[in-house]
C-alpha atoms as a PDB file:
ATOM      1  CA  UNK A   1      -5.324 -15.943  -2.648  1.00  0.00           C
ATOM      2  CA  UNK A   2      -6.701 -13.721  -5.599  1.00  0.00           C
ATOM      3  CA  UNK A   3      -4.523 -15.331  -7.804  1.00  0.00           C
ATOM      4  CA  UNK A   4      -5.872 -18.521  -6.947  1.00  0.00           C
ATOM      5  CA  UNK A   5      -9.589 -17.332  -7.251  1.00  0.00           C
ATOM      6  CA  UNK A   6      -8.941 -15.839 -10.895  1.00  0.00           C
ATOM      7  CA  UNK A   7      -7.377 -19.178 -12.047  1.00  0.00           C
ATOM      8  CA  UNK A   8      -9.631 -21.207 -10.366  1.00  0.00           C
ATOM      9  CA  UNK A   9     -12.804 -19.099 -11.850  1.00  0.00           C
ATOM     10  CA  UNK A  10     -11.536 -18.727 -15.185  1.00  0.00           C
ATOM     11  CA  UNK A  11     -10.668 -22.566 -15.134  1.00  0.00           C
ATOM     12  CA  UNK A  12     -14.294 -23.562 -14.383  1.00  0.00           C
ATOM     13  CA  UNK A  13     -15.319 -21.291 -16.842  1.00  0.00           C
ATOM     14  CA  UNK A  14     -13.528 -22.153 -19.498  1.00  0.00           C
ATOM     15  CA  UNK A  15     -15.214 -25.746 -18.881  1.00  0.00           C
ATOM     16  CA  UNK A  16     -18.129 -24.932 -18.360  1.00  0.00           C
ATOM     17  CA  UNK A  17     -17.841 -23.321 -22.078  1.00  0.00           C
ATOM     18  CA  UNK A  18     -16.833 -26.221 -23.123  1.00  0.00           C
ATOM     19  CA  UNK A  19     -19.513 -28.022 -22.113  1.00  0.00           C
ATOM     20  CA  UNK A  20     -22.209 -25.684 -23.422  1.00  0.00           C
ATOM     21  CA  UNK A  21     -20.255 -25.775 -26.843  1.00  0.00           C
ATOM     22  CA  UNK A  22     -19.898 -29.925 -26.365  1.00  0.00           C
ATOM     23  CA  UNK A  23     -24.016 -29.913 -25.942  1.00  0.00           C
ATOM     24  CA  UNK A  24     -24.515 -27.798 -28.948  1.00  0.00           C
ATOM     25  CA  UNK A  25     -22.567 -29.992 -31.212  1.00  0.00           C
ATOM     26  CA  UNK A  26     -19.600 -27.004 -31.672  1.00  0.00           C
ATOM     27  CA  UNK A  27     -17.291 -30.033 -31.901  1.00  0.00           C
ATOM     28  CA  UNK A  28     -18.627 -32.491 -33.953  1.00  0.00           C
ATOM     29  CA  UNK A  29     -16.803 -31.035 -37.724  1.00  0.00           C
ATOM     30  CA  UNK A  30     -13.485 -31.100 -35.704  1.00  0.00           C
ATOM     31  CA  UNK A  31     -10.594 -33.029 -37.373  1.00  0.00           C
ATOM     32  CA  UNK A  32      -9.171 -36.046 -34.876  1.00  0.00           C
ATOM     33  CA  UNK A  33     -12.275 -35.409 -33.333  1.00  0.00           C
ATOM     34  CA  UNK A  34     -14.764 -38.386 -33.495  1.00  0.00           C
ATOM     35  CA  UNK A  35     -18.503 -37.464 -35.014  1.00  0.00           C
ATOM     36  CA  UNK A  36     -21.570 -37.258 -32.976  1.00  0.00           C
ATOM     37  CA  UNK A  37     -20.277 -36.155 -29.694  1.00  0.00           C
ATOM     38  CA  UNK A  38     -23.244 -34.304 -29.245  1.00  0.00           C
ATOM     39  CA  UNK A  39     -24.772 -37.465 -29.078  1.00  0.00           C
ATOM     40  CA  UNK A  40     -23.216 -39.717 -27.005  1.00  0.00           C
ATOM     41  CA  UNK A  41     -24.645 -39.287 -23.436  1.00  0.00           C
ATOM     42  CA  UNK A  42     -23.265 -37.437 -20.924  1.00  0.00           C
ATOM     43  CA  UNK A  43     -21.418 -40.714 -18.957  1.00  0.00           C
ATOM     44  CA  UNK A  44     -19.217 -43.254 -20.237  1.00  0.00           C
ATOM     45  CA  UNK A  45     -21.504 -46.601 -19.907  1.00  0.00           C
ATOM     46  CA  UNK A  46     -19.216 -48.032 -17.456  1.00  0.00           C
ATOM     47  CA  UNK A  47     -19.609 -45.332 -15.239  1.00  0.00           C
ATOM     48  CA  UNK A  48     -23.132 -45.293 -15.866  1.00  0.00           C
ATOM     49  CA  UNK A  49     -23.820 -49.107 -14.954  1.00  0.00           C
ATOM     50  CA  UNK A  50     -21.523 -48.579 -11.755  1.00  0.00           C
ATOM     51  CA  UNK A  51     -24.273 -46.158 -10.457  1.00  0.00           C
ATOM     52  CA  UNK A  52     -27.128 -47.922 -11.731  1.00  0.00           C
ATOM     53  CA  UNK A  53     -25.670 -50.956  -9.501  1.00  0.00           C
ATOM     54  CA  UNK A  54     -24.975 -49.118  -6.068  1.00  0.00           C
ATOM     55  CA  UNK A  55     -27.752 -47.488  -4.123  1.00  0.00           C
ATOM     56  CA  UNK A  56     -25.485 -45.204  -2.746  1.00  0.00           C
ATOM     57  CA  UNK A  57     -23.414 -43.537  -5.509  1.00  0.00           C
ATOM     58  CA  UNK A  58     -25.543 -40.842  -6.765  1.00  0.00           C
ATOM     59  CA  UNK A  59     -26.715 -39.642  -3.284  1.00  0.00           C
ATOM     60  CA  UNK A  60     -23.114 -39.651  -2.395  1.00  0.00           C
ATOM     61  CA  UNK A  61     -22.583 -37.634  -5.139  1.00  0.00           C
ATOM     62  CA  UNK A  62     -25.808 -34.807  -4.796  1.00  0.00           C
ATOM     63  CA  UNK A  63     -24.265 -34.538  -1.037  1.00  0.00           C
ATOM     64  CA  UNK A  64     -21.059 -33.667  -1.821  1.00  0.00           C
ATOM     65  CA  UNK A  65     -21.925 -31.016  -5.098  1.00  0.00           C
ATOM     66  CA  UNK A  66     -24.848 -29.365  -2.316  1.00  0.00           C
ATOM     67  CA  UNK A  67     -21.314 -29.114   0.354  1.00  0.00           C
ATOM     68  CA  UNK A  68     -19.494 -27.533  -2.601  1.00  0.00           C
ATOM     69  CA  UNK A  69     -22.595 -25.436  -3.250  1.00  0.00           C
ATOM     70  CA  UNK A  70     -23.220 -24.354   0.383  1.00  0.00           C
ATOM     71  CA  UNK A  71     -18.833 -23.411   0.819  1.00  0.00           C
ATOM     72  CA  UNK A  72     -19.416 -21.099  -1.832  1.00  0.00           C
ATOM     73  CA  UNK A  73     -22.588 -19.555  -0.654  1.00  0.00           C
ATOM     74  CA  UNK A  74     -21.131 -18.866   2.579  1.00  0.00           C
ATOM     75  CA  UNK A  75     -17.821 -17.694   1.240  1.00  0.00           C
ATOM     76  CA  UNK A  76     -20.048 -15.183  -0.634  1.00  0.00           C
ATOM     77  CA  UNK A  77     -21.460 -13.883   2.082  1.00  0.00           C
ATOM     78  CA  UNK A  78     -18.743 -13.450   4.346  1.00  0.00           C
ATOM     79  CA  UNK A  79     -17.157 -11.618   1.103  1.00  0.00           C
ATOM     80  CA  UNK A  80     -20.189  -9.453   0.772  1.00  0.00           C
ATOM     81  CA  UNK A  81     -20.456  -8.473   4.714  1.00  0.00           C
ATOM     82  CA  UNK A  82     -16.280  -7.470   4.255  1.00  0.00           C
ATOM     83  CA  UNK A  83     -17.327  -5.346   1.288  1.00  0.00           C
ATOM     84  CA  UNK A  84     -19.966  -3.456   3.346  1.00  0.00           C
ATOM     85  CA  UNK A  85     -17.845  -3.077   6.933  1.00  0.00           C
ATOM     86  CA  UNK A  86     -15.223  -1.538   4.651  1.00  0.00           C
ATOM     87  CA  UNK A  87     -18.098   0.969   3.601  1.00  0.00           C
ATOM     88  CA  UNK A  88     -19.429   1.205   7.253  1.00  0.00           C
ATOM     89  CA  UNK A  89     -18.409  -0.081  10.330  1.00  0.00           C
ATOM     90  CA  UNK A  90     -20.297  -1.925  12.718  1.00  0.00           C
ATOM     91  CA  UNK A  91     -20.475   0.907  15.495  1.00  0.00           C
ATOM     92  CA  UNK A  92     -22.569   1.968  17.660  1.00  0.00           C
ATOM     93  CA  UNK A  93     -24.351   5.666  16.815  1.00  0.00           C
ATOM     94  CA  UNK A  94     -22.487   7.299  19.812  1.00  0.00           C
ATOM     95  CA  UNK A  95     -19.224   6.436  18.556  1.00  0.00           C
ATOM     96  CA  UNK A  96     -20.506   7.108  14.747  1.00  0.00           C
ATOM     97  CA  UNK A  97     -21.178  10.430  15.818  1.00  0.00           C
ATOM     98  CA  UNK A  98     -17.651  10.868  17.483  1.00  0.00           C
ATOM     99  CA  UNK A  99     -15.711   9.267  14.544  1.00  0.00           C
ATOM    100  CA  UNK A 100     -17.743  11.472  12.052  1.00  0.00           C
ATOM    101  CA  UNK A 101     -16.653  14.684  14.491  1.00  0.00           C
ATOM    102  CA  UNK A 102     -13.198  13.360  14.476  1.00  0.00           C
ATOM    103  CA  UNK A 103     -12.109  12.446  10.812  1.00  0.00           C
ATOM    104  CA  UNK A 104     -13.861  16.526  10.237  1.00  0.00           C
ATOM    105  CA  UNK A 105     -10.900  17.261  12.455  1.00  0.00           C
ATOM    106  CA  UNK A 106      -8.216  15.223  10.806  1.00  0.00           C
ATOM    107  CA  UNK A 107      -9.254  16.120   7.714  1.00  0.00           C
ATOM    108  CA  UNK A 108      -9.171  19.762   8.749  1.00  0.00           C
ATOM    109  CA  UNK A 109      -5.387  19.162  10.732  1.00  0.00           C
ATOM    110  CA  UNK A 110      -4.100  17.435   8.140  1.00  0.00           C
ATOM    111  CA  UNK A 111      -5.001  19.578   5.061  1.00  0.00           C
ATOM    112  CA  UNK A 112      -3.084  22.665   7.546  1.00  0.00           C
ATOM    113  CA  UNK A 113      -0.239  20.934   7.166  1.00  0.00           C
ATOM    114  CA  UNK A 114       2.638  21.920   4.434  1.00  0.00           C
ATOM    115  CA  UNK A 115       2.227  20.436   1.083  1.00  0.00           C
ATOM    116  CA  UNK A 116      -0.892  18.097   2.366  1.00  0.00           C
ATOM    117  CA  UNK A 117      -4.172  18.500  -0.030  1.00  0.00           C
ATOM    118  CA  UNK A 118      -7.188  16.675  -0.248  1.00  0.00           C
ATOM    119  CA  UNK A 119      -7.064  14.698   2.900  1.00  0.00           C
ATOM    120  CA  UNK A 120      -9.477  11.644   3.160  1.00  0.00           C
ATOM    121  CA  UNK A 121     -10.279   9.986   6.718  1.00  0.00           C
ATOM    122  CA  UNK A 122     -12.761   6.655   6.755  1.00  0.00           C
ATOM    123  CA  UNK A 123     -13.365   4.517   9.509  1.00  0.00           C
ATOM    124  CA  UNK A 124     -13.576   0.709   8.617  1.00  0.00           C
ATOM    125  CA  UNK A 125     -14.041  -2.995   9.336  1.00  0.00           C
ATOM    126  CA  UNK A 126     -15.741  -4.403  12.127  1.00  0.00           C
ATOM    127  CA  UNK A 127     -16.945  -4.024  15.865  1.00  0.00           C
ATOM    128  CA  UNK A 128     -13.782  -5.873  16.860  1.00  0.00           C
ATOM    129  CA  UNK A 129     -11.156  -5.124  14.592  1.00  0.00           C
ATOM    130  CA  UNK A 130     -11.671  -1.274  13.539  1.00  0.00           C
ATOM    131  CA  UNK A 131      -8.977   0.549  11.633  1.00  0.00           C
ATOM    132  CA  UNK A 132      -8.533   4.221  10.157  1.00  0.00           C
ATOM    133  CA  UNK A 133      -7.959   5.115   6.859  1.00  0.00           C
ATOM    134  CA  UNK A 134      -5.984   7.846   6.120  1.00  0.00           C
ATOM    135  CA  UNK A 135      -5.479   9.108   2.437  1.00  0.00           C
ATOM    136  CA  UNK A 136      -3.404  12.436   2.155  1.00  0.00           C
ATOM    137  CA  UNK A 137      -2.843  13.465  -1.402  1.00  0.00           C
ATOM    138  CA  UNK A 138       0.900  15.471  -0.978  1.00  0.00           C
ATOM    139  CA  UNK A 139       2.550  17.977  -3.636  1.00  0.00           C
ATOM    140  CA  UNK A 140       5.916  16.358  -5.677  1.00  0.00           C
ATOM    141  CA  UNK A 141       7.989  18.378  -3.464  1.00  0.00           C
ATOM    142  CA  UNK A 142       6.806  17.521   0.204  1.00  0.00           C
ATOM    143  CA  UNK A 143       8.906  15.240   2.043  1.00  0.00           C
ATOM    144  CA  UNK A 144       6.828  12.529   2.628  1.00  0.00           C
ATOM    145  CA  UNK A 145       8.383  11.046   5.858  1.00  0.00           C
ATOM    146  CA  UNK A 146       7.729  14.636   7.811  1.00  0.00           C
ATOM    147  CA  UNK A 147       4.283  14.288   6.876  1.00  0.00           C
ATOM    148  CA  UNK A 148       3.890  10.475   7.816  1.00  0.00           C
ATOM    149  CA  UNK A 149       5.673  12.023  11.605  1.00  0.00           C
ATOM    150  CA  UNK A 150       3.299  14.816  11.656  1.00  0.00           C
ATOM    151  CA  UNK A 151       0.370  13.306  11.075  1.00  0.00           C
ATOM    152  CA  UNK A 152       0.394   9.785  13.076  1.00  0.00           C
ATOM    153  CA  UNK A 153       2.242  12.795  16.053  1.00  0.00           C
ATOM    154  CA  UNK A 154      -0.668  14.697  15.687  1.00  0.00           C
ATOM    155  CA  UNK A 155      -4.059  14.354  14.341  1.00  0.00           C
ATOM    156  CA  UNK A 156      -4.160  10.784  13.925  1.00  0.00           C
ATOM    157  CA  UNK A 157      -3.464  10.642  18.026  1.00  0.00           C
ATOM    158  CA  UNK A 158      -6.131  13.078  18.347  1.00  0.00           C
ATOM    159  CA  UNK A 159      -9.095  11.335  16.381  1.00  0.00           C
ATOM    160  CA  UNK A 160      -7.866   7.939  18.398  1.00  0.00           C
ATOM    161  CA  UNK A 161      -8.878   9.518  21.990  1.00  0.00           C
ATOM    162  CA  UNK A 162     -11.575  11.638  20.480  1.00  0.00           C
ATOM    163  CA  UNK A 163     -13.376   8.186  19.088  1.00  0.00           C
ATOM    164  CA  UNK A 164     -12.165   6.329  23.040  1.00  0.00           C
ATOM    165  CA  UNK A 165      -9.980   4.134  21.123  1.00  0.00           C
ATOM    166  CA  UNK A 166      -6.003   4.524  22.051  1.00  0.00           C
ATOM    167  CA  UNK A 167      -5.187   1.453  20.115  1.00  0.00           C
ATOM    168  CA  UNK A 168      -7.179   1.605  17.080  1.00  0.00           C
ATOM    169  CA  UNK A 169      -4.522   0.910  13.910  1.00  0.00           C
ATOM    170  CA  UNK A 170      -4.005   2.984  11.157  1.00  0.00           C
ATOM    171  CA  UNK A 171      -3.210   3.007   7.939  1.00  0.00           C
ATOM    172  CA  UNK A 172      -2.005   6.038   5.696  1.00  0.00           C
ATOM    173  CA  UNK A 173      -1.686   6.568   3.120  1.00  0.00           C
ATOM    174  CA  UNK A 174       0.215   9.098   0.922  1.00  0.00           C
ATOM    175  CA  UNK A 175      -0.018  10.060  -2.345  1.00  0.00           C
ATOM    176  CA  UNK A 176       2.519  12.313  -4.487  1.00  0.00           C
ATOM    177  CA  UNK A 177       0.729  14.490  -6.679  1.00  0.00           C
ATOM    178  CA  UNK A 178       3.368  15.740  -9.213  1.00  0.00           C
ATOM    179  CA  UNK A 179       2.519  18.796 -11.548  1.00  0.00           C
ATOM    180  CA  UNK A 180       1.971  17.701 -14.989  1.00  0.00           C
ATOM    181  CA  UNK A 181       4.708  19.334 -17.602  1.00  0.00           C
ATOM    182  CA  UNK A 182       2.622  22.117 -19.760  1.00  0.00           C
ATOM    183  CA  UNK A 183       2.957  20.553 -23.302  1.00  0.00           C
ATOM    184  CA  UNK A 184       4.071  22.390 -25.971  1.00  0.00           C
ATOM    185  CA  UNK A 185       2.236  23.071 -29.562  1.00  0.00           C
ATOM    186  CA  UNK A 186       3.807  23.137 -32.844  1.00  0.00           C
ATOM    187  CA  UNK A 187       5.353  27.224 -32.889  1.00  0.00           C
ATOM    188  CA  UNK A 188       3.978  28.888 -35.576  1.00  0.00           C
ATOM    189  CA  UNK A 189       5.932  31.269 -37.083  1.00  0.00           C
ATOM    190  CA  UNK A 190       4.859  34.621 -39.037  1.00  0.00           C
ATOM    191  CA  UNK A 191       6.582  35.975 -41.805  1.00  0.00           C
END
């Protein structure tokens, strides 16, 4: 879906930029392009005659563009709401306090597992579709399957019980961290 939106946005941006350059007369001196494009009317004369002779054409075109604009604005509101829900879910204050306390316990329990550092816990989603997001940084030598199993069997299950959502979906992201090799500089030999 993102690729379709990116391609559509790029195409619309290109068309808008080309229309702006055309209106400013940027294409007038190019070889193979008829002169005076900026001075020509925006609509073809045949289309202008048709629009002038039909009482329904311009109101119908305006209605279609208004509907497209409204659909775009609704889509933007939905996307903004999803972004806000990702950072602050729609929960009542009691559940939010329980989730905050349970998140601190989950982070502490996850940090106690061997090879685990920097656990981050966040409750996201909407009131009807909440989800738990756990991001854990593991040492390079940690067995990721064991870390995942320990998290799911212990701390995540205790979090679900503490919040009162036994069917809460949990997304566990494991990020292995490998030690960076030391860079050796050039050796200086002294005589």
